[in-house]
Amino acid sequence: MTNESLTLFIPLYGKAMMSREGFLADETAEKIVSEVDFDFAKVDRSRKLAIYMAMRAALYDGYVRDFAAEHPDGLILQLGVGLDSRVRRVPVSNPWYDLDFPEVIALRRTYFPEDDRYHLIGAPALPVTWLADIPKAAHALVLAEGLSMYLSEGDMRVLMAALQAHFGHTTFIFDAYSRSAAKLSALKNPVNAVKARIDFAMDAPETLLTDTQGMRCAYATGIITLEAIDRLKGTDRLRFRFMGCFGNGFYRIFGYELEGKAE
């Protein structure tokens, strides 16, 4: 696997840990961590990071639920899916496509077999030739959880333009570092242990907006929410209350609405 691919084990471990504690119901993550041939001592297994990964996953789960409720026939696509089990955590009936590098998808097939609704694509996010294997849809939800930092700003623009051209309407959601956080990550970041490099960061939603018609940023939000904090106890609650006050600007989730060019 590439260094970037190895980062998938960081959120996987965190979700398994927090599933065992009842914060995020993810029995599949627990199963994979107990069975997969990987030395988790190679990645950051801190409690703080595990909680943070579970918080991020829970927010993305909510976006899927909201989209499925509004667009029951809409298409769901995850880029850089790793070994995430959202397709099981959020039981919706929408057609669903998960994409990652071929070696990651080969491992993923062990735990997530395809069926008439669920499909796997082994390819990098760029180039976007894989879009030819995905049917056009009037509404699509595209999630890029934990992916943007391994792309460039140009890559992100190309990806957004391709999604806009392919689907009637795309809700594109991803998380990204601020520029200052990306600089600090060179000193301390969970991905450093697997020698992955942070390439993309942005401070303002306008960074990815171009003169192209039909693109807008609908929201930018921190990952640490009051609802999530209330589910924690003791020192965990105090720590994340402090982190939420001062750290939410360093790492945010962005949601863009792309009005499609597809006929």
C-alpha atoms as a PDB file:
ATOM      1  CA  MET A   1       0.000   0.000   0.000  1.00  0.00           C
ATOM      2  CA  THR A   2       1.036   3.631  -0.502  1.00  0.00           C
ATOM      3  CA  ASN A   3       1.799   5.803   2.519  1.00  0.00           C
ATOM      4  CA  GLU A   4      -1.499   7.600   1.942  1.00  0.00           C
ATOM      5  CA  SER A   5      -3.360   4.276   1.873  1.00  0.00           C
ATOM      6  CA  LEU A   6      -1.869   3.252   5.211  1.00  0.00           C
ATOM      7  CA  THR A   7      -3.572   6.221   6.855  1.00  0.00           C
ATOM      8  CA  LEU A   8      -6.867   4.296   6.582  1.00  0.00           C
ATOM      9  CA  PHE A   9      -5.876   2.333   9.663  1.00  0.00           C
ATOM     10  CA  ILE A  10      -5.907   5.488  11.838  1.00  0.00           C
ATOM     11  CA  PRO A  11      -9.674   6.193  11.644  1.00  0.00           C
ATOM     12  CA  LEU A  12     -10.413   2.466  11.538  1.00  0.00           C
ATOM     13  CA  TYR A  13      -8.750   1.958  14.907  1.00  0.00           C
ATOM     14  CA  GLY A  14     -10.435   5.020  16.371  1.00  0.00           C
ATOM     15  CA  LYS A  15     -13.902   3.941  15.294  1.00  0.00           C
ATOM     16  CA  ALA A  16     -13.334   0.443  16.660  1.00  0.00           C
ATOM     17  CA  MET A  17     -12.192   1.847  20.007  1.00  0.00           C
ATOM     18  CA  MET A  18     -15.151   4.190  20.322  1.00  0.00           C
ATOM     19  CA  SER A  19     -17.558   1.493  19.168  1.00  0.00           C
ATOM     20  CA  ARG A  20     -16.429  -0.684  22.069  1.00  0.00           C
ATOM     21  CA  GLU A  21     -17.247   2.233  24.374  1.00  0.00           C
ATOM     22  CA  GLY A  22     -20.667   2.872  22.831  1.00  0.00           C
ATOM     23  CA  PHE A  23     -19.916   6.273  21.288  1.00  0.00           C
ATOM     24  CA  LEU A  24     -20.235   5.054  17.688  1.00  0.00           C
ATOM     25  CA  ALA A  25     -21.940   1.764  16.830  1.00  0.00           C
ATOM     26  CA  ASP A  26     -19.462   0.091  14.476  1.00  0.00           C
ATOM     27  CA  GLU A  27     -19.182  -3.649  15.045  1.00  0.00           C
ATOM     28  CA  THR A  28     -17.613  -4.076  11.605  1.00  0.00           C
ATOM     29  CA  ALA A  29     -14.697  -1.814  12.557  1.00  0.00           C
ATOM     30  CA  GLU A  30     -14.208  -3.857  15.723  1.00  0.00           C
ATOM     31  CA  LYS A  31     -14.176  -7.064  13.683  1.00  0.00           C
ATOM     32  CA  ILE A  32     -11.700  -5.769  11.114  1.00  0.00           C
ATOM     33  CA  VAL A  33      -9.291  -4.462  13.756  1.00  0.00           C
ATOM     34  CA  SER A  34      -9.331  -7.856  15.468  1.00  0.00           C
ATOM     35  CA  GLU A  35      -8.717  -9.778  12.229  1.00  0.00           C
ATOM     36  CA  VAL A  36      -6.770  -7.680   9.719  1.00  0.00           C
ATOM     37  CA  ASP A  37      -3.073  -8.365   9.183  1.00  0.00           C
ATOM     38  CA  PHE A  38      -1.729  -4.989  10.265  1.00  0.00           C
ATOM     39  CA  ASP A  39       0.415  -3.871  13.178  1.00  0.00           C
ATOM     40  CA  PHE A  40      -1.609  -1.052  14.729  1.00  0.00           C
ATOM     41  CA  ALA A  41       1.426  -0.070  16.791  1.00  0.00           C
ATOM     42  CA  LYS A  42       2.573   1.692  13.593  1.00  0.00           C
ATOM     43  CA  VAL A  43      -0.185   4.301  13.819  1.00  0.00           C
ATOM     44  CA  ASP A  44      -1.308   6.846  16.388  1.00  0.00           C
ATOM     45  CA  ARG A  45      -3.671   5.104  18.810  1.00  0.00           C
ATOM     46  CA  SER A  46      -4.233   7.975  21.204  1.00  0.00           C
ATOM     47  CA  ARG A  47      -7.590   8.279  22.897  1.00  0.00           C
ATOM     48  CA  LYS A  48      -7.987  11.899  21.811  1.00  0.00           C
ATOM     49  CA  LEU A  49      -7.518  10.973  18.152  1.00  0.00           C
ATOM     50  CA  ALA A  50      -9.903   8.007  18.435  1.00  0.00           C
ATOM     51  CA  ILE A  51     -12.660  10.255  19.781  1.00  0.00           C
ATOM     52  CA  TYR A  52     -11.977  12.839  17.096  1.00  0.00           C
ATOM     53  CA  MET A  53     -12.189  10.232  14.314  1.00  0.00           C
ATOM     54  CA  ALA A  54     -15.469   8.938  15.733  1.00  0.00           C
ATOM     55  CA  MET A  55     -16.880  12.472  15.908  1.00  0.00           C
ATOM     56  CA  ARG A  56     -15.959  13.072  12.279  1.00  0.00           C
ATOM     57  CA  ALA A  57     -17.490   9.773  11.186  1.00  0.00           C
ATOM     58  CA  ALA A  58     -20.723  10.534  13.045  1.00  0.00           C
ATOM     59  CA  LEU A  59     -21.097  13.862  11.235  1.00  0.00           C
ATOM     60  CA  TYR A  60     -20.626  12.218   7.846  1.00  0.00           C
ATOM     61  CA  ASP A  61     -23.141   9.528   8.819  1.00  0.00           C
ATOM     62  CA  GLY A  62     -25.640  12.300   9.477  1.00  0.00           C
ATOM     63  CA  TYR A  63     -25.074  13.820   6.035  1.00  0.00           C
ATOM     64  CA  VAL A  64     -25.911  10.455   4.467  1.00  0.00           C
ATOM     65  CA  ARG A  65     -29.106  10.116   6.492  1.00  0.00           C
ATOM     66  CA  ASP A  66     -30.230  13.617   5.542  1.00  0.00           C
ATOM     67  CA  PHE A  67     -29.462  13.081   1.859  1.00  0.00           C
ATOM     68  CA  ALA A  68     -31.229   9.712   1.728  1.00  0.00           C
ATOM     69  CA  ALA A  69     -34.311  11.155   3.402  1.00  0.00           C
ATOM     70  CA  GLU A  70     -34.490  13.972   0.836  1.00  0.00           C
ATOM     71  CA  HIS A  71     -33.398  11.940  -2.196  1.00  0.00           C
ATOM     72  CA  PRO A  72     -34.306   8.252  -1.702  1.00  0.00           C
ATOM     73  CA  ASP A  73     -33.222   7.493  -5.265  1.00  0.00           C
ATOM     74  CA  GLY A  74     -30.084   9.633  -5.129  1.00  0.00           C
ATOM     75  CA  LEU A  75     -26.652   8.120  -5.648  1.00  0.00           C
ATOM     76  CA  ILE A  76     -24.048   7.971  -2.878  1.00  0.00           C
ATOM     77  CA  LEU A  77     -20.338   7.943  -3.708  1.00  0.00           C
ATOM     78  CA  GLN A  78     -17.432   7.792  -1.263  1.00  0.00           C
ATOM     79  CA  LEU A  79     -13.910   8.656  -2.387  1.00  0.00           C
ATOM     80  CA  GLY A  80     -10.926   7.280  -0.491  1.00  0.00           C
ATOM     81  CA  VAL A  81     -13.255   5.037   1.504  1.00  0.00           C
ATOM     82  CA  GLY A  82     -10.552   2.895   3.124  1.00  0.00           C
ATOM     83  CA  LEU A  83     -12.165   0.323   5.419  1.00  0.00           C
ATOM     84  CA  ASP A  84     -14.934   2.572   6.659  1.00  0.00           C
ATOM     85  CA  SER A  85     -18.233   0.775   7.293  1.00  0.00           C
ATOM     86  CA  ARG A  86     -20.632   3.666   6.766  1.00  0.00           C
ATOM     87  CA  VAL A  87     -22.572   1.574   4.260  1.00  0.00           C
ATOM     88  CA  ARG A  88     -23.526  -0.626   7.238  1.00  0.00           C
ATOM     89  CA  ARG A  89     -23.705   2.039   9.935  1.00  0.00           C
ATOM     90  CA  VAL A  90     -26.269   3.984   7.898  1.00  0.00           C
ATOM     91  CA  PRO A  91     -28.803   1.514   6.464  1.00  0.00           C
ATOM     92  CA  VAL A  92     -30.239   3.351   3.462  1.00  0.00           C
ATOM     93  CA  SER A  93     -31.509   1.924   0.177  1.00  0.00           C
ATOM     94  CA  ASN A  94     -29.730   4.348  -2.192  1.00  0.00           C
ATOM     95  CA  PRO A  95     -27.347   3.023  -4.841  1.00  0.00           C
ATOM     96  CA  TRP A  96     -23.897   3.255  -3.263  1.00  0.00           C
ATOM     97  CA  TYR A  97     -20.375   3.341  -4.746  1.00  0.00           C
ATOM     98  CA  ASP A  98     -17.127   3.190  -2.763  1.00  0.00           C
ATOM     99  CA  LEU A  99     -13.783   4.059  -4.362  1.00  0.00           C
ATOM    100  CA  ASP A 100     -10.171   3.700  -3.294  1.00  0.00           C
ATOM    101  CA  PHE A 101      -6.837   2.480  -4.612  1.00  0.00           C
ATOM    102  CA  PRO A 102      -7.000  -1.041  -6.107  1.00  0.00           C
ATOM    103  CA  GLU A 103      -4.979  -2.593  -3.263  1.00  0.00           C
ATOM    104  CA  VAL A 104      -7.330  -1.047  -0.682  1.00  0.00           C
ATOM    105  CA  ILE A 105     -10.428  -2.250  -2.529  1.00  0.00           C
ATOM    106  CA  ALA A 106      -8.932  -5.749  -2.767  1.00  0.00           C
ATOM    107  CA  LEU A 107      -8.702  -5.789   1.039  1.00  0.00           C
ATOM    108  CA  ARG A 108     -12.106  -4.152   1.390  1.00  0.00           C
ATOM    109  CA  ARG A 109     -13.788  -6.927  -0.612  1.00  0.00           C
ATOM    110  CA  THR A 110     -12.929  -9.308   2.226  1.00  0.00           C
ATOM    111  CA  TYR A 111     -15.331  -7.481   4.511  1.00  0.00           C
ATOM    112  CA  PHE A 112     -17.706  -5.661   2.147  1.00  0.00           C
ATOM    113  CA  PRO A 113     -18.921  -7.846  -0.726  1.00  0.00           C
ATOM    114  CA  GLU A 114     -20.726  -6.162  -3.610  1.00  0.00           C
ATOM    115  CA  ASP A 115     -24.396  -6.684  -4.404  1.00  0.00           C
ATOM    116  CA  ASP A 116     -27.018  -5.145  -6.686  1.00  0.00           C
ATOM    117  CA  ARG A 117     -26.991  -1.899  -4.693  1.00  0.00           C
ATOM    118  CA  TYR A 118     -23.424  -1.707  -3.416  1.00  0.00           C
ATOM    119  CA  HIS A 119     -20.442  -1.331  -5.758  1.00  0.00           C
ATOM    120  CA  LEU A 120     -16.659  -1.099  -5.340  1.00  0.00           C
ATOM    121  CA  ILE A 121     -14.252   0.705  -7.665  1.00  0.00           C
ATOM    122  CA  GLY A 122     -10.494   0.232  -7.450  1.00  0.00           C
ATOM    123  CA  ALA A 123      -8.933   3.463  -8.698  1.00  0.00           C
ATOM    124  CA  PRO A 124      -7.269   6.633  -7.381  1.00  0.00           C
ATOM    125  CA  ALA A 125      -9.458   9.705  -7.071  1.00  0.00           C
ATOM    126  CA  LEU A 126      -7.538  11.245  -9.984  1.00  0.00           C
ATOM    127  CA  PRO A 127      -7.653  10.938 -12.921  1.00  0.00           C
ATOM    128  CA  VAL A 128     -11.437  10.842 -12.932  1.00  0.00           C
ATOM    129  CA  THR A 129     -11.766   8.173 -15.641  1.00  0.00           C
ATOM    130  CA  TRP A 130     -13.624   6.001 -13.101  1.00  0.00           C
ATOM    131  CA  LEU A 131     -16.662   8.280 -13.437  1.00  0.00           C
ATOM    132  CA  ALA A 132     -17.459   6.409 -16.653  1.00  0.00           C
ATOM    133  CA  ASP A 133     -18.287   3.383 -14.478  1.00  0.00           C
ATOM    134  CA  ILE A 134     -20.820   5.303 -12.392  1.00  0.00           C
ATOM    135  CA  PRO A 135     -24.286   6.018 -13.792  1.00  0.00           C
ATOM    136  CA  LYS A 136     -25.425   9.595 -14.122  1.00  0.00           C
ATOM    137  CA  ALA A 137     -27.957  10.622 -11.497  1.00  0.00           C
ATOM    138  CA  ALA A 138     -30.181  13.614 -10.877  1.00  0.00           C
ATOM    139  CA  HIS A 139     -28.848  13.879  -7.315  1.00  0.00           C
ATOM    140  CA  ALA A 140     -25.558  12.607  -5.936  1.00  0.00           C
ATOM    141  CA  LEU A 141     -23.916  12.830  -2.526  1.00  0.00           C
ATOM    142  CA  VAL A 142     -20.137  12.605  -2.806  1.00  0.00           C
ATOM    143  CA  LEU A 143     -18.127  12.192   0.384  1.00  0.00           C
ATOM    144  CA  ALA A 144     -14.357  12.597   0.576  1.00  0.00           C
ATOM    145  CA  GLU A 145     -13.676  11.941   4.252  1.00  0.00           C
ATOM    146  CA  GLY A 146      -9.997  12.250   5.121  1.00  0.00           C
ATOM    147  CA  LEU A 147      -8.940  12.608   1.474  1.00  0.00           C
ATOM    148  CA  SER A 148      -8.466  16.250   0.480  1.00  0.00           C
ATOM    149  CA  MET A 149      -5.148  16.702   2.292  1.00  0.00           C
ATOM    150  CA  TYR A 150      -3.478  14.194  -0.029  1.00  0.00           C
ATOM    151  CA  LEU A 151      -4.593  16.043  -3.158  1.00  0.00           C
ATOM    152  CA  SER A 152      -3.550  19.440  -4.494  1.00  0.00           C
ATOM    153  CA  GLU A 153      -5.721  22.511  -4.923  1.00  0.00           C
ATOM    154  CA  GLY A 154      -5.671  21.856  -8.662  1.00  0.00           C
ATOM    155  CA  ASP A 155      -6.744  18.258  -8.069  1.00  0.00           C
ATOM    156  CA  MET A 156      -9.687  19.430  -5.995  1.00  0.00           C
ATOM    157  CA  ARG A 157     -10.806  21.819  -8.728  1.00  0.00           C
ATOM    158  CA  VAL A 158     -10.567  19.101 -11.385  1.00  0.00           C
ATOM    159  CA  LEU A 159     -12.525  16.698  -9.212  1.00  0.00           C
ATOM    160  CA  MET A 160     -15.297  19.195  -8.493  1.00  0.00           C
ATOM    161  CA  ALA A 161     -15.616  20.143 -12.152  1.00  0.00           C
ATOM    162  CA  ALA A 162     -15.862  16.482 -13.149  1.00  0.00           C
ATOM    163  CA  LEU A 163     -18.577  15.800 -10.577  1.00  0.00           C
ATOM    164  CA  GLN A 164     -20.491  18.862 -11.713  1.00  0.00           C
ATOM    165  CA  ALA A 165     -20.338  17.716 -15.321  1.00  0.00           C
ATOM    166  CA  HIS A 166     -21.405  14.145 -14.544  1.00  0.00           C
ATOM    167  CA  PHE A 167     -24.364  14.542 -12.179  1.00  0.00           C
ATOM    168  CA  GLY A 168     -27.479  16.683 -12.294  1.00  0.00           C
ATOM    169  CA  HIS A 169     -26.806  18.050  -8.804  1.00  0.00           C
ATOM    170  CA  THR A 170     -23.941  17.109  -6.510  1.00  0.00           C
ATOM    171  CA  THR A 171     -23.560  17.673  -2.798  1.00  0.00           C
ATOM    172  CA  PHE A 172     -19.808  17.387  -2.290  1.00  0.00           C
ATOM    173  CA  ILE A 173     -18.580  17.095   1.301  1.00  0.00           C
ATOM    174  CA  PHE A 174     -14.977  16.905   2.457  1.00  0.00           C
ATOM    175  CA  ASP A 175     -12.806  17.873   5.407  1.00  0.00           C
ATOM    176  CA  ALA A 176      -9.679  20.008   5.153  1.00  0.00           C
ATOM    177  CA  TYR A 177      -6.920  21.533   7.226  1.00  0.00           C
ATOM    178  CA  SER A 178      -6.461  25.272   7.512  1.00  0.00           C
ATOM    179  CA  ARG A 179      -3.165  26.518   6.099  1.00  0.00           C
ATOM    180  CA  SER A 180      -1.738  27.139   9.560  1.00  0.00           C
ATOM    181  CA  ALA A 181      -2.768  23.661  10.719  1.00  0.00           C
ATOM    182  CA  ALA A 182      -1.129  22.112   7.655  1.00  0.00           C
ATOM    183  CA  LYS A 183       2.132  23.867   8.537  1.00  0.00           C
ATOM    184  CA  LEU A 184       1.924  22.670  12.130  1.00  0.00           C
ATOM    185  CA  SER A 185       1.248  19.125  10.923  1.00  0.00           C
ATOM    186  CA  ALA A 186       4.867  18.866   9.821  1.00  0.00           C
ATOM    187  CA  LEU A 187       5.742  18.864  13.522  1.00  0.00           C
ATOM    188  CA  LYS A 188       2.960  16.667  14.866  1.00  0.00           C
ATOM    189  CA  ASN A 189       0.356  14.775  12.888  1.00  0.00           C
ATOM    190  CA  PRO A 190      -0.958  11.197  13.110  1.00  0.00           C
ATOM    191  CA  VAL A 191      -0.152  10.610   9.427  1.00  0.00           C
ATOM    192  CA  ASN A 192       3.546  11.321  10.003  1.00  0.00           C
ATOM    193  CA  ALA A 193       3.996   7.827  11.426  1.00  0.00           C
ATOM    194  CA  VAL A 194       3.225   6.299   8.023  1.00  0.00           C
ATOM    195  CA  LYS A 195       5.171   9.013   6.148  1.00  0.00           C
ATOM    196  CA  ALA A 196       2.118  10.438   4.356  1.00  0.00           C
ATOM    197  CA  ARG A 197       2.427  14.025   3.132  1.00  0.00           C
ATOM    198  CA  ILE A 198      -0.125  16.809   3.563  1.00  0.00           C
ATOM    199  CA  ASP A 199      -0.533  18.723   0.280  1.00  0.00           C
ATOM    200  CA  PHE A 200      -3.847  20.597   0.362  1.00  0.00           C
ATOM    201  CA  ALA A 201      -5.186  23.084   2.884  1.00  0.00           C
ATOM    202  CA  MET A 202      -7.523  26.067   2.720  1.00  0.00           C
ATOM    203  CA  ASP A 203      -8.793  28.826   4.971  1.00  0.00           C
ATOM    204  CA  ALA A 204     -11.770  30.193   3.040  1.00  0.00           C
ATOM    205  CA  PRO A 205     -14.511  28.353   1.126  1.00  0.00           C
ATOM    206  CA  GLU A 206     -13.897  30.692  -1.809  1.00  0.00           C
ATOM    207  CA  THR A 207     -10.554  28.960  -2.386  1.00  0.00           C
ATOM    208  CA  LEU A 208     -12.202  26.341  -4.583  1.00  0.00           C
ATOM    209  CA  LEU A 209     -14.784  28.546  -6.240  1.00  0.00           C
ATOM    210  CA  THR A 210     -14.082  29.571  -9.817  1.00  0.00           C
ATOM    211  CA  ASP A 211     -15.846  31.618 -12.457  1.00  0.00           C
ATOM    212  CA  THR A 212     -17.806  28.485 -13.292  1.00  0.00           C
ATOM    213  CA  GLN A 213     -21.535  28.920 -12.801  1.00  0.00           C
ATOM    214  CA  GLY A 214     -23.414  26.695 -10.392  1.00  0.00           C
ATOM    215  CA  MET A 215     -20.900  26.184  -7.579  1.00  0.00           C
ATOM    216  CA  ARG A 216     -21.378  27.418  -4.041  1.00  0.00           C
ATOM    217  CA  CYS A 217     -20.183  26.519  -0.572  1.00  0.00           C
ATOM    218  CA  ALA A 218     -23.267  25.764   1.524  1.00  0.00           C
ATOM    219  CA  TYR A 219     -21.502  25.394   4.867  1.00  0.00           C
ATOM    220  CA  ALA A 220     -18.211  25.065   6.711  1.00  0.00           C
ATOM    221  CA  THR A 221     -18.331  23.555  10.169  1.00  0.00           C
ATOM    222  CA  GLY A 222     -16.029  22.342  12.892  1.00  0.00           C
ATOM    223  CA  ILE A 223     -15.990  18.661  13.820  1.00  0.00           C
ATOM    224  CA  ILE A 224     -16.345  19.053  17.576  1.00  0.00           C
ATOM    225  CA  THR A 225     -20.027  19.752  18.242  1.00  0.00           C
ATOM    226  CA  LEU A 226     -21.895  20.370  21.480  1.00  0.00           C
ATOM    227  CA  GLU A 227     -23.957  17.235  20.869  1.00  0.00           C
ATOM    228  CA  ALA A 228     -20.803  15.113  20.605  1.00  0.00           C
ATOM    229  CA  ILE A 229     -19.255  16.730  23.676  1.00  0.00           C
ATOM    230  CA  ASP A 230     -22.373  15.975  25.715  1.00  0.00           C
ATOM    231  CA  ARG A 231     -21.919  12.275  24.947  1.00  0.00           C
ATOM    232  CA  LEU A 232     -18.479  12.278  26.554  1.00  0.00           C
ATOM    233  CA  LYS A 233     -17.686  12.010  30.246  1.00  0.00           C
ATOM    234  CA  GLY A 234     -15.148  13.317  32.713  1.00  0.00           C
ATOM    235  CA  THR A 235     -11.809  14.516  31.378  1.00  0.00           C
ATOM    236  CA  ASP A 236     -12.812  13.607  27.808  1.00  0.00           C
ATOM    237  CA  ARG A 237     -15.677  16.100  27.989  1.00  0.00           C
ATOM    238  CA  LEU A 238     -13.467  18.825  29.448  1.00  0.00           C
ATOM    239  CA  ARG A 239     -10.714  18.234  26.892  1.00  0.00           C
ATOM    240  CA  PHE A 240     -13.023  18.397  23.884  1.00  0.00           C
ATOM    241  CA  ARG A 241     -14.936  21.368  25.213  1.00  0.00           C
ATOM    242  CA  PHE A 242     -11.612  23.223  25.258  1.00  0.00           C
ATOM    243  CA  MET A 243     -10.593  21.859  21.853  1.00  0.00           C
ATOM    244  CA  GLY A 244     -13.917  22.913  20.365  1.00  0.00           C
ATOM    245  CA  CYS A 245     -13.472  26.480  21.551  1.00  0.00           C
ATOM    246  CA  PHE A 246     -10.025  26.903  20.053  1.00  0.00           C
ATOM    247  CA  GLY A 247      -9.443  24.168  17.496  1.00  0.00           C
ATOM    248  CA  ASN A 248     -12.490  23.951  15.250  1.00  0.00           C
ATOM    249  CA  GLY A 249     -11.050  26.543  12.893  1.00  0.00           C
ATOM    250  CA  PHE A 250      -7.978  24.426  12.206  1.00  0.00           C
ATOM    251  CA  TYR A 251      -9.832  21.509  10.660  1.00  0.00           C
ATOM    252  CA  ARG A 252     -13.297  21.807   9.163  1.00  0.00           C
ATOM    253  CA  ILE A 253     -15.878  20.014   7.063  1.00  0.00           C
ATOM    254  CA  PHE A 254     -16.963  21.850   3.912  1.00  0.00           C
ATOM    255  CA  GLY A 255     -20.147  21.228   1.926  1.00  0.00           C
ATOM    256  CA  TYR A 256     -20.410  22.426  -1.669  1.00  0.00           C
ATOM    257  CA  GLU A 257     -23.467  22.355  -3.897  1.00  0.00           C
ATOM    258  CA  LEU A 258     -22.652  21.800  -7.583  1.00  0.00           C
ATOM    259  CA  GLU A 259     -25.379  22.402 -10.118  1.00  0.00           C
ATOM    260  CA  GLY A 260     -24.767  19.910 -12.861  1.00  0.00           C
ATOM    261  CA  LYS A 261     -23.947  20.470 -16.505  1.00  0.00           C
ATOM    262  CA  ALA A 262     -25.112  16.996 -17.482  1.00  0.00           C
ATOM    263  CA  GLU A 263     -27.981  16.914 -19.987  1.00  0.00           C
END
